[in-house]
Amino acid sequence: MKPHHALRRTIVEGLRLSCRIGIFPEERINPQPIEIDIELLVSEDSNVQAELSTVIRYDIIVDKVEAIATSGHIDLVETLAERILDYCETFKGVLSARVGVRKPNAIKNANSVGVELHRVYGDSLLKTACFEIASSA
C-alpha cells in the first residue's frame, strides 16, 4: 500500500466545567456552568501506527482546558475560546481547530448561548482544504 496523507479528527464534546465568566457583577463573583466543544483536525503519517505516543490525548486536553477556564475571571466566552485555540496550536500536526464555548444558564428561554471559533494553522492552500473538510462534517 502506498503512503498517503491522512487526517484525524480529535474531539472533546460537551465538556462541562464551572468558572467565573461574564461581564455582570454576579458573574464576576459566582462560578457558573459552561460547556466546551473542541475539535482538532490533525495531519498524520499514514505509515505510523496509532498508539499512545502518536495521538493527542483527551485527558491532557481536558486538564489544560480546565486550568485555562478556572485560572481567574474571564469577561467573554470569546476570550476563553481564543485562549483554548492558542493552546490547541501547540499540538504537533494540528492543521485546524474549532472551539465552542456555551453558557447554558445565561438566557432564560434558551438552551444555551455562546460562540464557536475556527482557526486554521499553516498555508492558505491548506486553509482552503481544512475549511472544506470542516464544513462537510
N, C-alpha and C. Protein backbone atom coordinates (compact mmCIF):
# COMPACT_ATOMS: atom_id res chain seq x y z
N MET A 1 0.84 -1.19 0.00
CA MET A 1 0.00 0.00 0.00
C MET A 1 0.88 1.25 0.00
N LYS A 2 0.57 2.18 -0.88
CA LYS A 2 1.35 3.40 -0.98
C LYS A 2 1.07 4.32 0.20
N PRO A 3 2.10 5.05 0.66
CA PRO A 3 1.85 6.04 1.72
C PRO A 3 0.91 7.12 1.19
N HIS A 4 0.09 7.63 2.03
CA HIS A 4 -0.81 8.72 1.67
C HIS A 4 -0.94 9.66 2.86
N HIS A 5 -1.47 10.81 2.59
CA HIS A 5 -1.67 11.78 3.67
C HIS A 5 -3.02 11.49 4.32
N ALA A 6 -3.02 11.38 5.61
CA ALA A 6 -4.26 11.08 6.33
C ALA A 6 -4.57 12.20 7.32
N LEU A 7 -5.84 12.33 7.63
CA LEU A 7 -6.30 13.31 8.60
C LEU A 7 -7.06 12.58 9.70
N ARG A 8 -6.94 13.08 10.89
CA ARG A 8 -7.66 12.52 12.04
C ARG A 8 -8.35 13.66 12.75
N ARG A 9 -9.59 13.44 13.16
CA ARG A 9 -10.30 14.40 14.00
C ARG A 9 -10.19 13.93 15.44
N THR A 10 -9.74 14.82 16.28
CA THR A 10 -9.72 14.56 17.73
C THR A 10 -10.79 15.44 18.34
N ILE A 11 -11.71 14.83 19.08
CA ILE A 11 -12.91 15.55 19.54
C ILE A 11 -13.09 15.42 21.04
N VAL A 12 -13.38 16.54 21.68
CA VAL A 12 -13.89 16.58 23.05
C VAL A 12 -15.21 17.32 22.95
N GLU A 13 -16.29 16.65 23.31
CA GLU A 13 -17.62 17.24 23.11
C GLU A 13 -18.37 17.35 24.44
N GLY A 14 -18.93 18.53 24.69
CA GLY A 14 -19.77 18.72 25.87
C GLY A 14 -19.02 18.69 27.19
N LEU A 15 -17.78 19.17 27.21
CA LEU A 15 -17.02 19.24 28.46
C LEU A 15 -17.70 20.24 29.39
N ARG A 16 -18.15 19.77 30.53
CA ARG A 16 -18.87 20.63 31.49
C ARG A 16 -17.92 21.06 32.60
N LEU A 17 -17.80 22.38 32.74
CA LEU A 17 -16.95 22.96 33.78
C LEU A 17 -17.73 24.07 34.47
N SER A 18 -17.19 24.55 35.55
CA SER A 18 -17.75 25.69 36.26
C SER A 18 -16.64 26.74 36.37
N CYS A 19 -16.97 27.97 35.97
CA CYS A 19 -15.96 29.03 36.06
C CYS A 19 -16.63 30.39 36.21
N ARG A 20 -15.81 31.38 36.52
CA ARG A 20 -16.32 32.75 36.62
C ARG A 20 -16.12 33.41 35.27
N ILE A 21 -17.24 33.60 34.56
CA ILE A 21 -17.17 34.14 33.21
C ILE A 21 -18.39 35.03 32.96
N GLY A 22 -18.14 36.21 32.42
CA GLY A 22 -19.23 37.13 32.13
C GLY A 22 -18.92 38.53 32.59
N ILE A 23 -19.73 39.48 32.10
CA ILE A 23 -19.47 40.90 32.38
C ILE A 23 -20.32 41.45 33.52
N PHE A 24 -21.33 40.71 33.96
CA PHE A 24 -22.20 41.21 35.01
C PHE A 24 -21.58 40.97 36.39
N PRO A 25 -21.89 41.84 37.36
CA PRO A 25 -21.28 41.72 38.69
C PRO A 25 -21.41 40.33 39.32
N GLU A 26 -22.59 39.72 39.21
CA GLU A 26 -22.77 38.39 39.82
C GLU A 26 -21.93 37.32 39.11
N GLU A 27 -21.64 37.53 37.81
CA GLU A 27 -20.82 36.57 37.07
C GLU A 27 -19.35 36.69 37.46
N ARG A 28 -18.96 37.84 37.97
CA ARG A 28 -17.58 38.02 38.43
C ARG A 28 -17.33 37.31 39.75
N ILE A 29 -18.40 37.11 40.51
CA ILE A 29 -18.28 36.52 41.85
C ILE A 29 -18.63 35.04 41.86
N ASN A 30 -19.75 34.69 41.23
CA ASN A 30 -20.28 33.33 41.30
C ASN A 30 -19.90 32.51 40.07
N PRO A 31 -19.26 31.36 40.27
CA PRO A 31 -19.00 30.48 39.13
C PRO A 31 -20.31 30.02 38.51
N GLN A 32 -20.29 29.78 37.22
CA GLN A 32 -21.46 29.27 36.51
C GLN A 32 -21.04 28.15 35.57
N PRO A 33 -21.98 27.30 35.20
CA PRO A 33 -21.62 26.20 34.31
C PRO A 33 -21.36 26.68 32.89
N ILE A 34 -20.40 26.04 32.26
CA ILE A 34 -20.15 26.26 30.84
C ILE A 34 -19.98 24.89 30.19
N GLU A 35 -20.16 24.85 28.89
CA GLU A 35 -19.92 23.64 28.12
C GLU A 35 -18.96 23.99 26.98
N ILE A 36 -17.99 23.11 26.77
CA ILE A 36 -16.96 23.37 25.77
C ILE A 36 -16.88 22.20 24.80
N ASP A 37 -16.80 22.52 23.51
CA ASP A 37 -16.55 21.54 22.47
C ASP A 37 -15.22 21.90 21.81
N ILE A 38 -14.41 20.88 21.56
CA ILE A 38 -13.13 21.09 20.89
C ILE A 38 -13.00 20.05 19.79
N GLU A 39 -12.59 20.51 18.64
CA GLU A 39 -12.31 19.58 17.54
C GLU A 39 -11.00 19.99 16.88
N LEU A 40 -10.08 19.06 16.80
CA LEU A 40 -8.80 19.29 16.16
C LEU A 40 -8.72 18.44 14.91
N LEU A 41 -8.28 19.03 13.82
CA LEU A 41 -8.00 18.28 12.61
C LEU A 41 -6.49 18.12 12.56
N VAL A 42 -6.05 16.87 12.60
CA VAL A 42 -4.63 16.56 12.77
C VAL A 42 -4.12 15.81 11.55
N SER A 43 -2.96 16.24 11.06
CA SER A 43 -2.29 15.53 9.98
C SER A 43 -1.54 14.37 10.59
N GLU A 44 -1.63 13.22 9.94
CA GLU A 44 -0.89 12.08 10.46
C GLU A 44 -0.17 11.37 9.33
N ASP A 45 0.93 10.78 9.65
CA ASP A 45 1.71 9.99 8.72
C ASP A 45 1.03 8.64 8.59
N SER A 46 0.65 8.27 7.39
CA SER A 46 -0.09 7.02 7.20
C SER A 46 0.77 5.79 7.50
N ASN A 47 2.08 5.99 7.63
CA ASN A 47 2.97 4.86 7.92
C ASN A 47 3.14 4.63 9.41
N VAL A 48 2.55 5.49 10.23
CA VAL A 48 2.70 5.38 11.68
C VAL A 48 1.46 4.73 12.27
N GLN A 49 1.64 3.70 13.06
CA GLN A 49 0.52 3.05 13.75
C GLN A 49 0.00 3.98 14.85
N ALA A 50 -1.33 4.04 14.98
CA ALA A 50 -1.91 4.84 16.06
C ALA A 50 -1.59 4.15 17.38
N GLU A 51 -0.89 4.86 18.23
CA GLU A 51 -0.60 4.38 19.57
C GLU A 51 -0.48 5.61 20.46
N LEU A 52 -0.43 5.38 21.75
CA LEU A 52 -0.49 6.49 22.70
C LEU A 52 0.55 7.57 22.41
N SER A 53 1.72 7.21 21.97
CA SER A 53 2.77 8.21 21.73
C SER A 53 2.54 9.02 20.45
N THR A 54 1.61 8.59 19.60
CA THR A 54 1.41 9.28 18.31
C THR A 54 0.07 9.99 18.20
N VAL A 55 -0.72 9.99 19.25
CA VAL A 55 -2.03 10.65 19.21
C VAL A 55 -2.11 11.76 20.25
N ILE A 56 -3.05 12.65 20.06
CA ILE A 56 -3.31 13.70 21.03
C ILE A 56 -4.23 13.12 22.10
N ARG A 57 -3.79 13.19 23.34
CA ARG A 57 -4.53 12.56 24.44
C ARG A 57 -5.63 13.48 24.96
N TYR A 58 -6.84 12.91 25.05
CA TYR A 58 -8.01 13.66 25.53
C TYR A 58 -7.80 14.16 26.95
N ASP A 59 -7.24 13.33 27.81
CA ASP A 59 -7.08 13.72 29.22
C ASP A 59 -6.17 14.93 29.36
N ILE A 60 -5.16 15.03 28.53
CA ILE A 60 -4.26 16.18 28.57
C ILE A 60 -4.99 17.43 28.10
N ILE A 61 -5.78 17.31 27.03
CA ILE A 61 -6.57 18.44 26.55
C ILE A 61 -7.51 18.92 27.65
N VAL A 62 -8.26 18.00 28.24
CA VAL A 62 -9.26 18.35 29.26
C VAL A 62 -8.60 19.00 30.47
N ASP A 63 -7.50 18.46 30.94
CA ASP A 63 -6.82 19.04 32.11
C ASP A 63 -6.38 20.47 31.84
N LYS A 64 -5.80 20.72 30.68
CA LYS A 64 -5.31 22.07 30.36
C LYS A 64 -6.46 23.04 30.16
N VAL A 65 -7.52 22.60 29.47
CA VAL A 65 -8.68 23.47 29.25
C VAL A 65 -9.32 23.84 30.58
N GLU A 66 -9.42 22.87 31.48
CA GLU A 66 -9.96 23.16 32.82
C GLU A 66 -9.08 24.19 33.54
N ALA A 67 -7.78 24.06 33.43
CA ALA A 67 -6.87 25.02 34.06
C ALA A 67 -7.04 26.41 33.45
N ILE A 68 -7.20 26.49 32.14
CA ILE A 68 -7.40 27.77 31.46
C ILE A 68 -8.71 28.41 31.93
N ALA A 69 -9.77 27.62 31.97
CA ALA A 69 -11.11 28.15 32.31
C ALA A 69 -11.22 28.58 33.77
N THR A 70 -10.47 27.96 34.65
CA THR A 70 -10.61 28.24 36.08
C THR A 70 -9.45 29.06 36.64
N SER A 71 -8.65 29.66 35.77
CA SER A 71 -7.47 30.41 36.23
C SER A 71 -7.81 31.80 36.77
N GLY A 72 -9.05 32.21 36.68
CA GLY A 72 -9.47 33.52 37.15
C GLY A 72 -10.67 33.97 36.33
N HIS A 73 -11.20 35.12 36.68
CA HIS A 73 -12.38 35.62 35.97
C HIS A 73 -12.05 35.94 34.52
N ILE A 74 -12.99 35.60 33.63
CA ILE A 74 -12.87 35.88 32.20
C ILE A 74 -14.13 36.65 31.80
N ASP A 75 -13.96 37.79 31.14
CA ASP A 75 -15.11 38.61 30.76
C ASP A 75 -16.00 37.95 29.70
N LEU A 76 -15.40 37.41 28.65
CA LEU A 76 -16.17 36.98 27.48
C LEU A 76 -15.91 35.52 27.13
N VAL A 77 -16.94 34.84 26.63
CA VAL A 77 -16.75 33.47 26.14
C VAL A 77 -15.79 33.47 24.94
N GLU A 78 -15.79 34.56 24.17
CA GLU A 78 -14.86 34.68 23.05
C GLU A 78 -13.41 34.63 23.52
N THR A 79 -13.13 35.29 24.64
CA THR A 79 -11.77 35.29 25.19
C THR A 79 -11.36 33.88 25.61
N LEU A 80 -12.26 33.17 26.26
CA LEU A 80 -11.95 31.80 26.67
C LEU A 80 -11.71 30.92 25.45
N ALA A 81 -12.55 31.04 24.43
CA ALA A 81 -12.37 30.24 23.21
C ALA A 81 -11.02 30.55 22.55
N GLU A 82 -10.63 31.82 22.50
CA GLU A 82 -9.33 32.20 21.92
C GLU A 82 -8.17 31.59 22.71
N ARG A 83 -8.26 31.60 24.03
CA ARG A 83 -7.20 31.01 24.86
C ARG A 83 -7.08 29.51 24.61
N ILE A 84 -8.21 28.85 24.45
CA ILE A 84 -8.18 27.41 24.17
C ILE A 84 -7.59 27.16 22.78
N LEU A 85 -7.95 27.99 21.81
CA LEU A 85 -7.37 27.85 20.47
C LEU A 85 -5.86 28.05 20.49
N ASP A 86 -5.38 29.02 21.29
CA ASP A 86 -3.94 29.23 21.42
C ASP A 86 -3.26 27.95 21.93
N TYR A 87 -3.89 27.29 22.89
CA TYR A 87 -3.36 26.05 23.42
C TYR A 87 -3.38 24.94 22.36
N CYS A 88 -4.46 24.83 21.61
CA CYS A 88 -4.59 23.77 20.60
C CYS A 88 -3.47 23.85 19.56
N GLU A 89 -3.00 25.05 19.30
CA GLU A 89 -1.95 25.25 18.31
C GLU A 89 -0.63 24.59 18.72
N THR A 90 -0.46 24.29 19.99
CA THR A 90 0.80 23.73 20.48
C THR A 90 0.96 22.25 20.15
N PHE A 91 -0.10 21.58 19.75
CA PHE A 91 -0.01 20.16 19.45
C PHE A 91 0.62 19.93 18.08
N LYS A 92 1.49 18.96 17.99
CA LYS A 92 2.15 18.60 16.74
C LYS A 92 1.11 18.09 15.73
N GLY A 93 1.19 18.61 14.52
CA GLY A 93 0.35 18.12 13.44
C GLY A 93 -1.03 18.72 13.35
N VAL A 94 -1.37 19.65 14.25
CA VAL A 94 -2.72 20.24 14.19
C VAL A 94 -2.79 21.21 13.01
N LEU A 95 -3.75 20.93 12.13
CA LEU A 95 -3.96 21.77 10.95
C LEU A 95 -5.02 22.83 11.21
N SER A 96 -6.06 22.45 11.98
CA SER A 96 -7.11 23.41 12.30
C SER A 96 -7.74 23.01 13.62
N ALA A 97 -8.41 23.98 14.22
CA ALA A 97 -9.10 23.73 15.48
C ALA A 97 -10.42 24.49 15.48
N ARG A 98 -11.39 23.89 16.13
CA ARG A 98 -12.70 24.52 16.33
C ARG A 98 -13.00 24.41 17.82
N VAL A 99 -13.36 25.53 18.41
CA VAL A 99 -13.70 25.56 19.84
C VAL A 99 -15.03 26.27 20.00
N GLY A 100 -15.95 25.62 20.71
CA GLY A 100 -17.22 26.21 21.06
C GLY A 100 -17.33 26.33 22.57
N VAL A 101 -17.77 27.48 23.03
CA VAL A 101 -17.98 27.71 24.47
C VAL A 101 -19.40 28.20 24.64
N ARG A 102 -20.15 27.51 25.50
CA ARG A 102 -21.56 27.86 25.72
C ARG A 102 -21.83 28.06 27.21
N LYS A 103 -22.77 28.96 27.48
CA LYS A 103 -23.27 29.19 28.84
C LYS A 103 -24.73 28.73 28.88
N PRO A 104 -25.00 27.57 29.47
CA PRO A 104 -26.36 27.02 29.42
C PRO A 104 -27.38 27.77 30.27
N ASN A 105 -26.96 28.53 31.25
CA ASN A 105 -27.91 29.21 32.13
C ASN A 105 -27.97 30.72 31.92
N ALA A 106 -27.38 31.21 30.85
CA ALA A 106 -27.26 32.66 30.67
C ALA A 106 -28.58 33.34 30.27
N ILE A 107 -29.37 32.70 29.41
CA ILE A 107 -30.61 33.28 28.91
C ILE A 107 -31.75 32.34 29.27
N LYS A 108 -32.74 32.88 29.93
CA LYS A 108 -33.84 32.08 30.48
C LYS A 108 -34.49 31.15 29.46
N ASN A 109 -34.83 31.63 28.30
CA ASN A 109 -35.60 30.83 27.34
C ASN A 109 -34.75 30.14 26.28
N ALA A 110 -33.44 30.04 26.50
CA ALA A 110 -32.55 29.39 25.53
C ALA A 110 -31.83 28.22 26.20
N ASN A 111 -31.60 27.17 25.44
CA ASN A 111 -30.82 26.05 25.97
C ASN A 111 -29.42 26.49 26.37
N SER A 112 -28.82 27.33 25.54
CA SER A 112 -27.50 27.89 25.85
C SER A 112 -27.22 29.01 24.86
N VAL A 113 -26.23 29.82 25.20
CA VAL A 113 -25.71 30.85 24.31
C VAL A 113 -24.19 30.74 24.32
N GLY A 114 -23.57 31.17 23.25
CA GLY A 114 -22.12 31.07 23.24
C GLY A 114 -21.53 31.45 21.91
N VAL A 115 -20.34 30.93 21.69
CA VAL A 115 -19.58 31.26 20.49
C VAL A 115 -18.85 30.01 20.01
N GLU A 116 -18.63 29.96 18.72
CA GLU A 116 -17.81 28.91 18.13
C GLU A 116 -16.78 29.59 17.24
N LEU A 117 -15.51 29.30 17.48
CA LEU A 117 -14.43 29.90 16.70
C LEU A 117 -13.65 28.80 15.99
N HIS A 118 -13.21 29.10 14.77
CA HIS A 118 -12.38 28.19 13.98
C HIS A 118 -11.06 28.88 13.72
N ARG A 119 -9.99 28.10 13.79
CA ARG A 119 -8.69 28.65 13.43
C ARG A 119 -7.96 27.60 12.59
N VAL A 120 -7.35 28.05 11.51
CA VAL A 120 -6.58 27.17 10.64
C VAL A 120 -5.12 27.61 10.72
N TYR A 121 -4.24 26.65 10.88
CA TYR A 121 -2.81 26.92 11.00
C TYR A 121 -2.12 26.52 9.71
N GLY A 122 -1.14 27.27 9.27
CA GLY A 122 -0.40 26.88 8.07
C GLY A 122 -0.73 27.73 6.88
N ASP A 123 -0.40 27.21 5.68
CA ASP A 123 -0.52 28.00 4.45
C ASP A 123 -1.97 28.09 3.95
N SER A 124 -2.17 28.98 3.00
CA SER A 124 -3.54 29.27 2.55
C SER A 124 -4.17 28.10 1.78
N LEU A 125 -3.39 27.31 1.04
CA LEU A 125 -3.94 26.15 0.35
C LEU A 125 -4.50 25.16 1.36
N LEU A 126 -3.75 24.96 2.41
CA LEU A 126 -4.20 24.07 3.48
C LEU A 126 -5.45 24.63 4.14
N LYS A 127 -5.50 25.94 4.32
CA LYS A 127 -6.68 26.57 4.92
C LYS A 127 -7.94 26.26 4.11
N THR A 128 -7.83 26.37 2.82
CA THR A 128 -8.99 26.09 1.97
C THR A 128 -9.44 24.64 2.14
N ALA A 129 -8.50 23.72 2.11
CA ALA A 129 -8.84 22.29 2.26
C ALA A 129 -9.46 22.01 3.62
N CYS A 130 -8.92 22.59 4.67
CA CYS A 130 -9.44 22.37 6.02
C CYS A 130 -10.87 22.89 6.15
N PHE A 131 -11.14 24.06 5.61
CA PHE A 131 -12.50 24.60 5.71
C PHE A 131 -13.49 23.74 4.94
N GLU A 132 -13.06 23.21 3.79
CA GLU A 132 -13.93 22.32 3.03
C GLU A 132 -14.24 21.06 3.82
N ILE A 133 -13.22 20.49 4.45
CA ILE A 133 -13.41 19.28 5.26
C ILE A 133 -14.29 19.57 6.46
N ALA A 134 -14.00 20.67 7.15
CA ALA A 134 -14.76 21.01 8.36
C ALA A 134 -16.23 21.29 8.04
N SER A 135 -16.48 21.95 6.93
CA SER A 135 -17.87 22.29 6.63
C SER A 135 -18.67 21.08 6.14
N SER A 136 -17.98 20.03 5.72
CA SER A 136 -18.69 18.84 5.27
C SER A 136 -19.02 17.89 6.42
N ALA A 137 -18.50 18.16 7.60
CA ALA A 137 -18.71 17.27 8.75
C ALA A 137 -20.10 17.43 9.33
